[in-house]
């Protein structure tokens, strides 16, 4: 019975957040990621579900490609 409550609680929490601030709830910017994020930044510009898991790696890849292109 306790297992059945978990998904229900998650859906109720999702609905509550979406009702209060729908513009703050959005999918992660990484196409392969299936997570969502709740943007708590002042500018409402967060892009990744986790900076450590998604954002930092994306920024490092972009930086590497940019610097590699300028060296060639």
C-alpha atoms as a PDB file:
ATOM      1  CA  UNK A   1       0.000   0.000   0.000  1.00  0.00           C
ATOM      2  CA  UNK A   2       2.856   2.415   0.792  1.00  0.00           C
ATOM      3  CA  UNK A   3       4.343   1.863  -2.665  1.00  0.00           C
ATOM      4  CA  UNK A   4       1.135   3.021  -4.300  1.00  0.00           C
ATOM      5  CA  UNK A   5       1.285   6.356  -2.450  1.00  0.00           C
ATOM      6  CA  UNK A   6       4.678   7.392  -3.861  1.00  0.00           C
ATOM      7  CA  UNK A   7       3.593   7.961  -7.468  1.00  0.00           C
ATOM      8  CA  UNK A   8       0.368   9.605  -6.320  1.00  0.00           C
ATOM      9  CA  UNK A   9       2.286  12.015  -4.099  1.00  0.00           C
ATOM     10  CA  UNK A  10       4.659  12.809  -6.949  1.00  0.00           C
ATOM     11  CA  UNK A  11       1.767  13.619  -9.279  1.00  0.00           C
ATOM     12  CA  UNK A  12       0.096  15.812  -6.661  1.00  0.00           C
ATOM     13  CA  UNK A  13       3.346  17.690  -6.036  1.00  0.00           C
ATOM     14  CA  UNK A  14       3.848  18.127  -9.797  1.00  0.00           C
ATOM     15  CA  UNK A  15       0.299  19.464 -10.211  1.00  0.00           C
ATOM     16  CA  UNK A  16       0.743  21.852  -7.296  1.00  0.00           C
ATOM     17  CA  UNK A  17       4.006  23.288  -8.637  1.00  0.00           C
ATOM     18  CA  UNK A  18       2.602  23.536 -12.152  1.00  0.00           C
ATOM     19  CA  UNK A  19      -0.477  25.374 -10.901  1.00  0.00           C
ATOM     20  CA  UNK A  20       1.525  27.898  -8.847  1.00  0.00           C
ATOM     21  CA  UNK A  21       4.299  28.667 -11.316  1.00  0.00           C
ATOM     22  CA  UNK A  22       4.066  26.854 -14.677  1.00  0.00           C
ATOM     23  CA  UNK A  23       6.829  28.977 -16.246  1.00  0.00           C
ATOM     24  CA  UNK A  24       9.333  27.660 -13.675  1.00  0.00           C
ATOM     25  CA  UNK A  25       8.808  23.975 -14.487  1.00  0.00           C
ATOM     26  CA  UNK A  26      10.431  22.769 -17.699  1.00  0.00           C
ATOM     27  CA  UNK A  27      12.387  19.880 -19.211  1.00  0.00           C
ATOM     28  CA  UNK A  28      16.168  19.693 -19.060  1.00  0.00           C
ATOM     29  CA  UNK A  29      17.932  21.275 -22.070  1.00  0.00           C
ATOM     30  CA  UNK A  30      19.933  18.129 -22.780  1.00  0.00           C
ATOM     31  CA  UNK A  31      17.953  16.142 -25.382  1.00  0.00           C
ATOM     32  CA  UNK A  32      18.951  12.741 -23.955  1.00  0.00           C
ATOM     33  CA  UNK A  33      17.822  13.685 -20.444  1.00  0.00           C
ATOM     34  CA  UNK A  34      14.291  12.783 -19.351  1.00  0.00           C
ATOM     35  CA  UNK A  35      14.295  14.904 -16.163  1.00  0.00           C
ATOM     36  CA  UNK A  36      12.557  18.185 -15.441  1.00  0.00           C
ATOM     37  CA  UNK A  37      13.787  21.149 -13.461  1.00  0.00           C
ATOM     38  CA  UNK A  38      12.199  23.668 -11.186  1.00  0.00           C
ATOM     39  CA  UNK A  39      13.930  26.926 -12.032  1.00  0.00           C
ATOM     40  CA  UNK A  40      14.624  28.864  -8.855  1.00  0.00           C
ATOM     41  CA  UNK A  41      16.964  31.410 -10.417  1.00  0.00           C
ATOM     42  CA  UNK A  42      16.036  35.097 -10.288  1.00  0.00           C
ATOM     43  CA  UNK A  43      16.289  35.521 -14.045  1.00  0.00           C
ATOM     44  CA  UNK A  44      14.358  32.291 -14.777  1.00  0.00           C
ATOM     45  CA  UNK A  45      17.139  31.107 -17.097  1.00  0.00           C
ATOM     46  CA  UNK A  46      18.153  27.704 -15.694  1.00  0.00           C
ATOM     47  CA  UNK A  47      18.608  25.119 -18.446  1.00  0.00           C
ATOM     48  CA  UNK A  48      19.711  21.856 -16.862  1.00  0.00           C
ATOM     49  CA  UNK A  49      18.196  19.543 -14.260  1.00  0.00           C
ATOM     50  CA  UNK A  50      21.571  19.397 -12.520  1.00  0.00           C
ATOM     51  CA  UNK A  51      24.537  21.656 -13.114  1.00  0.00           C
ATOM     52  CA  UNK A  52      26.906  18.918 -11.941  1.00  0.00           C
ATOM     53  CA  UNK A  53      25.409  16.215 -14.169  1.00  0.00           C
ATOM     54  CA  UNK A  54      24.340  18.121 -17.271  1.00  0.00           C
ATOM     55  CA  UNK A  55      25.275  21.781 -17.316  1.00  0.00           C
ATOM     56  CA  UNK A  56      28.930  21.587 -16.388  1.00  0.00           C
ATOM     57  CA  UNK A  57      29.638  18.880 -18.960  1.00  0.00           C
ATOM     58  CA  UNK A  58      27.817  20.816 -21.680  1.00  0.00           C
ATOM     59  CA  UNK A  59      29.746  23.980 -20.862  1.00  0.00           C
ATOM     60  CA  UNK A  60      33.075  22.119 -20.866  1.00  0.00           C
ATOM     61  CA  UNK A  61      32.316  20.561 -24.270  1.00  0.00           C
ATOM     62  CA  UNK A  62      31.329  23.945 -25.724  1.00  0.00           C
ATOM     63  CA  UNK A  63      34.462  25.577 -24.290  1.00  0.00           C
ATOM     64  CA  UNK A  64      36.685  22.809 -25.664  1.00  0.00           C
ATOM     65  CA  UNK A  65      35.151  23.075 -29.167  1.00  0.00           C
ATOM     66  CA  UNK A  66      35.423  26.878 -29.154  1.00  0.00           C
ATOM     67  CA  UNK A  67      39.075  26.877 -28.070  1.00  0.00           C
ATOM     68  CA  UNK A  68      39.974  24.072 -30.437  1.00  0.00           C
ATOM     69  CA  UNK A  69      38.445  25.974 -33.369  1.00  0.00           C
ATOM     70  CA  UNK A  70      40.464  29.125 -32.573  1.00  0.00           C
ATOM     71  CA  UNK A  71      43.728  27.171 -32.350  1.00  0.00           C
ATOM     72  CA  UNK A  72      43.368  25.623 -35.810  1.00  0.00           C
END
